[in-house]
Amino acid sequence: MPFTALFPVDLPQTFDIVLGVELPDLPPGTEPVDLPGGPAASAVHVGPVDTICLSWWPLLAWVHERGLEPAGPLREHYLDGHTTHLTVPLQEE
């Protein structure tokens, strides 16, 4: 089952990760999280998750080189064992 992880833009020494899956009904004790739409930069990582930084670095460099600002947490949407969709939400210009 595909799932999504949210990470802070600036990674401190310790941080919380939010994991989410699409379910028809919310299990007791869980809370929905809205992921707002809007402008974003994205890339697809194909390969083991332990090499995902090799896809994040050029994506974040692309954002920085264009003077764009991330808005909100970075998103990793794990499609299967070797394919992850990376998204950087961007501040509106």
N, C-alpha and C. Protein backbone atom coordinates (compact mmCIF):
# COMPACT_ATOMS: atom_id res chain seq x y z
N MET A 1 0.85 -1.17 0.00
CA MET A 1 0.00 0.00 0.00
C MET A 1 0.90 1.24 0.00
N PRO A 2 0.68 2.17 -0.94
CA PRO A 2 1.45 3.41 -0.95
C PRO A 2 1.21 4.22 0.33
N PHE A 3 2.24 4.93 0.78
CA PHE A 3 2.07 5.82 1.93
C PHE A 3 2.95 7.04 1.74
N THR A 4 2.70 8.07 2.55
CA THR A 4 3.40 9.33 2.45
C THR A 4 4.06 9.66 3.78
N ALA A 5 5.27 10.23 3.73
CA ALA A 5 5.97 10.71 4.92
C ALA A 5 6.23 12.20 4.74
N LEU A 6 6.07 12.96 5.82
CA LEU A 6 6.33 14.41 5.82
C LEU A 6 7.53 14.69 6.69
N PHE A 7 8.46 15.48 6.17
CA PHE A 7 9.69 15.82 6.89
C PHE A 7 9.85 17.34 6.94
N PRO A 8 10.41 17.88 8.03
CA PRO A 8 10.68 19.33 8.06
C PRO A 8 11.71 19.70 7.00
N VAL A 9 11.61 20.93 6.50
CA VAL A 9 12.55 21.40 5.48
C VAL A 9 13.97 21.44 6.04
N ASP A 10 14.14 22.02 7.21
CA ASP A 10 15.45 22.06 7.88
C ASP A 10 15.47 20.95 8.92
N LEU A 11 16.29 19.95 8.69
CA LEU A 11 16.30 18.80 9.59
C LEU A 11 17.11 19.08 10.84
N PRO A 12 16.44 19.23 11.98
CA PRO A 12 17.19 19.38 13.24
C PRO A 12 17.76 18.03 13.67
N GLN A 13 18.46 18.02 14.78
CA GLN A 13 19.07 16.79 15.30
C GLN A 13 18.00 15.70 15.49
N THR A 14 16.88 16.05 16.07
CA THR A 14 15.75 15.12 16.22
C THR A 14 14.50 15.82 15.70
N PHE A 15 13.59 15.05 15.14
CA PHE A 15 12.37 15.61 14.58
C PHE A 15 11.30 14.53 14.47
N ASP A 16 10.05 14.99 14.36
CA ASP A 16 8.93 14.08 14.17
C ASP A 16 8.70 13.85 12.69
N ILE A 17 8.31 12.66 12.34
CA ILE A 17 7.91 12.32 10.98
C ILE A 17 6.44 11.96 11.02
N VAL A 18 5.67 12.52 10.10
CA VAL A 18 4.26 12.17 9.98
C VAL A 18 4.13 11.18 8.83
N LEU A 19 3.52 10.03 9.09
CA LEU A 19 3.26 9.03 8.06
C LEU A 19 1.77 8.97 7.80
N GLY A 20 1.42 8.85 6.54
CA GLY A 20 0.00 8.81 6.21
C GLY A 20 -0.30 7.80 5.13
N VAL A 21 -1.48 7.23 5.21
CA VAL A 21 -2.00 6.33 4.19
C VAL A 21 -3.45 6.72 3.92
N GLU A 22 -3.92 6.43 2.72
CA GLU A 22 -5.32 6.68 2.40
C GLU A 22 -6.14 5.50 2.87
N LEU A 23 -7.14 5.78 3.70
CA LEU A 23 -8.02 4.74 4.22
C LEU A 23 -9.47 5.16 4.01
N PRO A 24 -10.36 4.20 3.81
CA PRO A 24 -11.77 4.57 3.64
C PRO A 24 -12.38 5.15 4.92
N ASP A 25 -11.94 4.67 6.07
CA ASP A 25 -12.43 5.16 7.36
C ASP A 25 -11.24 5.38 8.28
N LEU A 26 -11.33 6.43 9.13
CA LEU A 26 -10.26 6.70 10.08
C LEU A 26 -10.33 5.73 11.26
N PRO A 27 -9.25 5.07 11.57
CA PRO A 27 -9.24 4.21 12.76
C PRO A 27 -9.32 5.09 14.02
N PRO A 28 -9.84 4.56 15.11
CA PRO A 28 -9.91 5.32 16.36
C PRO A 28 -8.52 5.80 16.77
N GLY A 29 -8.44 7.02 17.28
CA GLY A 29 -7.18 7.57 17.77
C GLY A 29 -6.31 8.20 16.70
N THR A 30 -6.79 8.28 15.46
CA THR A 30 -6.01 8.92 14.40
C THR A 30 -6.64 10.25 14.02
N GLU A 31 -5.84 11.12 13.43
CA GLU A 31 -6.32 12.44 13.02
C GLU A 31 -6.00 12.64 11.54
N PRO A 32 -6.94 13.25 10.80
CA PRO A 32 -6.64 13.55 9.40
C PRO A 32 -5.66 14.72 9.30
N VAL A 33 -4.85 14.72 8.26
CA VAL A 33 -3.92 15.81 7.98
C VAL A 33 -4.18 16.27 6.55
N ASP A 34 -4.47 17.56 6.39
CA ASP A 34 -4.66 18.11 5.06
C ASP A 34 -3.30 18.47 4.46
N LEU A 35 -3.08 18.08 3.23
CA LEU A 35 -1.89 18.47 2.49
C LEU A 35 -2.36 19.45 1.42
N PRO A 36 -2.14 20.75 1.67
CA PRO A 36 -2.66 21.73 0.72
C PRO A 36 -1.98 21.63 -0.64
N GLY A 37 -2.71 21.98 -1.67
CA GLY A 37 -2.16 22.02 -3.02
C GLY A 37 -1.44 23.33 -3.24
N GLY A 38 -0.97 23.54 -4.43
CA GLY A 38 -0.28 24.77 -4.78
C GLY A 38 0.97 24.46 -5.57
N PRO A 39 1.78 25.48 -5.82
CA PRO A 39 2.99 25.24 -6.60
C PRO A 39 3.94 24.31 -5.85
N ALA A 40 4.64 23.49 -6.62
CA ALA A 40 5.56 22.52 -6.02
C ALA A 40 6.61 22.13 -7.06
N ALA A 41 7.73 21.66 -6.55
CA ALA A 41 8.76 21.05 -7.38
C ALA A 41 8.78 19.57 -7.01
N SER A 42 8.97 18.71 -8.00
CA SER A 42 8.95 17.28 -7.68
C SER A 42 9.93 16.51 -8.54
N ALA A 43 10.23 15.33 -8.08
CA ALA A 43 11.11 14.41 -8.79
C ALA A 43 10.70 12.99 -8.41
N VAL A 44 11.13 12.04 -9.19
CA VAL A 44 10.88 10.64 -8.88
C VAL A 44 12.22 9.97 -8.59
N HIS A 45 12.30 9.31 -7.45
CA HIS A 45 13.50 8.54 -7.09
C HIS A 45 13.22 7.07 -7.39
N VAL A 46 14.08 6.46 -8.17
CA VAL A 46 13.97 5.04 -8.44
C VAL A 46 15.23 4.38 -7.90
N GLY A 47 15.04 3.50 -6.94
CA GLY A 47 16.17 2.83 -6.30
C GLY A 47 15.89 2.63 -4.83
N PRO A 48 16.84 2.07 -4.11
CA PRO A 48 16.63 1.83 -2.69
C PRO A 48 16.44 3.13 -1.91
N VAL A 49 15.63 3.06 -0.88
CA VAL A 49 15.33 4.26 -0.09
C VAL A 49 16.59 4.80 0.59
N ASP A 50 17.58 3.96 0.85
CA ASP A 50 18.79 4.47 1.51
C ASP A 50 19.65 5.32 0.57
N THR A 51 19.27 5.44 -0.71
CA THR A 51 19.96 6.33 -1.64
C THR A 51 19.09 7.52 -2.05
N ILE A 52 18.01 7.74 -1.33
CA ILE A 52 17.05 8.79 -1.71
C ILE A 52 17.67 10.18 -1.68
N CYS A 53 18.69 10.39 -0.86
CA CYS A 53 19.35 11.70 -0.81
C CYS A 53 19.95 12.06 -2.16
N LEU A 54 20.29 11.06 -2.98
CA LEU A 54 20.84 11.32 -4.30
C LEU A 54 19.81 11.96 -5.23
N SER A 55 18.54 11.86 -4.89
CA SER A 55 17.47 12.54 -5.64
C SER A 55 17.05 13.84 -4.96
N TRP A 56 17.10 13.88 -3.62
CA TRP A 56 16.73 15.11 -2.91
C TRP A 56 17.71 16.23 -3.20
N TRP A 57 18.99 15.97 -3.19
CA TRP A 57 20.00 17.04 -3.37
C TRP A 57 19.77 17.82 -4.66
N PRO A 58 19.65 17.18 -5.82
CA PRO A 58 19.44 17.97 -7.04
C PRO A 58 18.09 18.66 -7.08
N LEU A 59 17.07 18.05 -6.48
CA LEU A 59 15.75 18.70 -6.45
C LEU A 59 15.81 19.97 -5.61
N LEU A 60 16.39 19.89 -4.42
CA LEU A 60 16.50 21.08 -3.56
C LEU A 60 17.45 22.11 -4.16
N ALA A 61 18.49 21.67 -4.86
CA ALA A 61 19.39 22.61 -5.55
C ALA A 61 18.62 23.35 -6.64
N TRP A 62 17.77 22.66 -7.38
CA TRP A 62 16.95 23.27 -8.43
C TRP A 62 16.07 24.37 -7.83
N VAL A 63 15.44 24.07 -6.70
CA VAL A 63 14.59 25.05 -6.02
C VAL A 63 15.42 26.27 -5.62
N HIS A 64 16.56 26.03 -4.98
CA HIS A 64 17.43 27.12 -4.50
C HIS A 64 17.97 27.96 -5.65
N GLU A 65 18.41 27.33 -6.73
CA GLU A 65 18.99 28.05 -7.87
C GLU A 65 17.99 29.02 -8.51
N ARG A 66 16.72 28.75 -8.38
CA ARG A 66 15.69 29.61 -8.95
C ARG A 66 15.14 30.62 -7.95
N GLY A 67 15.74 30.67 -6.76
CA GLY A 67 15.31 31.63 -5.75
C GLY A 67 13.94 31.33 -5.17
N LEU A 68 13.51 30.08 -5.25
CA LEU A 68 12.21 29.67 -4.72
C LEU A 68 12.36 29.28 -3.25
N GLU A 69 11.25 29.37 -2.52
CA GLU A 69 11.26 29.04 -1.09
C GLU A 69 10.32 27.87 -0.81
N PRO A 70 10.81 26.84 -0.12
CA PRO A 70 9.91 25.75 0.29
C PRO A 70 8.84 26.28 1.24
N ALA A 71 7.66 25.70 1.15
CA ALA A 71 6.54 26.08 2.02
C ALA A 71 5.97 24.81 2.64
N GLY A 72 6.30 24.59 3.87
CA GLY A 72 5.75 23.41 4.53
C GLY A 72 6.67 22.21 4.41
N PRO A 73 6.22 21.10 4.96
CA PRO A 73 7.09 19.93 5.02
C PRO A 73 7.35 19.33 3.63
N LEU A 74 8.54 18.72 3.52
CA LEU A 74 8.88 17.96 2.32
C LEU A 74 8.07 16.67 2.35
N ARG A 75 7.72 16.17 1.18
CA ARG A 75 6.87 14.98 1.10
C ARG A 75 7.58 13.86 0.34
N GLU A 76 7.50 12.68 0.89
CA GLU A 76 7.97 11.47 0.19
C GLU A 76 6.77 10.54 0.08
N HIS A 77 6.35 10.27 -1.14
CA HIS A 77 5.22 9.37 -1.37
C HIS A 77 5.79 8.07 -1.94
N TYR A 78 5.81 7.04 -1.09
CA TYR A 78 6.40 5.75 -1.43
C TYR A 78 5.39 4.94 -2.24
N LEU A 79 5.69 4.75 -3.52
CA LEU A 79 4.76 4.05 -4.41
C LEU A 79 4.94 2.54 -4.34
N ASP A 80 6.19 2.10 -4.21
CA ASP A 80 6.50 0.68 -4.05
C ASP A 80 7.90 0.59 -3.45
N GLY A 81 8.50 -0.57 -3.45
CA GLY A 81 9.79 -0.75 -2.80
C GLY A 81 10.94 -0.01 -3.45
N HIS A 82 10.77 0.48 -4.69
CA HIS A 82 11.88 1.13 -5.39
C HIS A 82 11.51 2.45 -6.06
N THR A 83 10.30 2.94 -5.87
CA THR A 83 9.88 4.18 -6.52
C THR A 83 9.25 5.12 -5.49
N THR A 84 9.83 6.31 -5.38
CA THR A 84 9.35 7.31 -4.41
C THR A 84 9.18 8.65 -5.13
N HIS A 85 8.01 9.25 -4.96
CA HIS A 85 7.75 10.58 -5.53
C HIS A 85 8.11 11.61 -4.46
N LEU A 86 9.04 12.51 -4.78
CA LEU A 86 9.51 13.55 -3.87
C LEU A 86 8.84 14.86 -4.23
N THR A 87 8.35 15.60 -3.24
CA THR A 87 7.67 16.88 -3.50
C THR A 87 8.14 17.92 -2.51
N VAL A 88 8.46 19.12 -3.06
CA VAL A 88 8.78 20.29 -2.26
C VAL A 88 7.67 21.30 -2.52
N PRO A 89 6.73 21.51 -1.56
CA PRO A 89 5.75 22.56 -1.75
C PRO A 89 6.47 23.91 -1.77
N LEU A 90 6.03 24.81 -2.65
CA LEU A 90 6.70 26.10 -2.81
C LEU A 90 5.79 27.24 -2.38
N GLN A 91 6.41 28.29 -1.84
CA GLN A 91 5.65 29.48 -1.48
C GLN A 91 5.15 30.14 -2.75
N GLU A 92 3.94 30.67 -2.68
CA GLU A 92 3.35 31.40 -3.82
C GLU A 92 4.15 32.65 -4.07
N GLU A 93 4.34 33.01 -5.33
CA GLU A 93 5.09 34.23 -5.64
C GLU A 93 4.19 35.44 -5.56
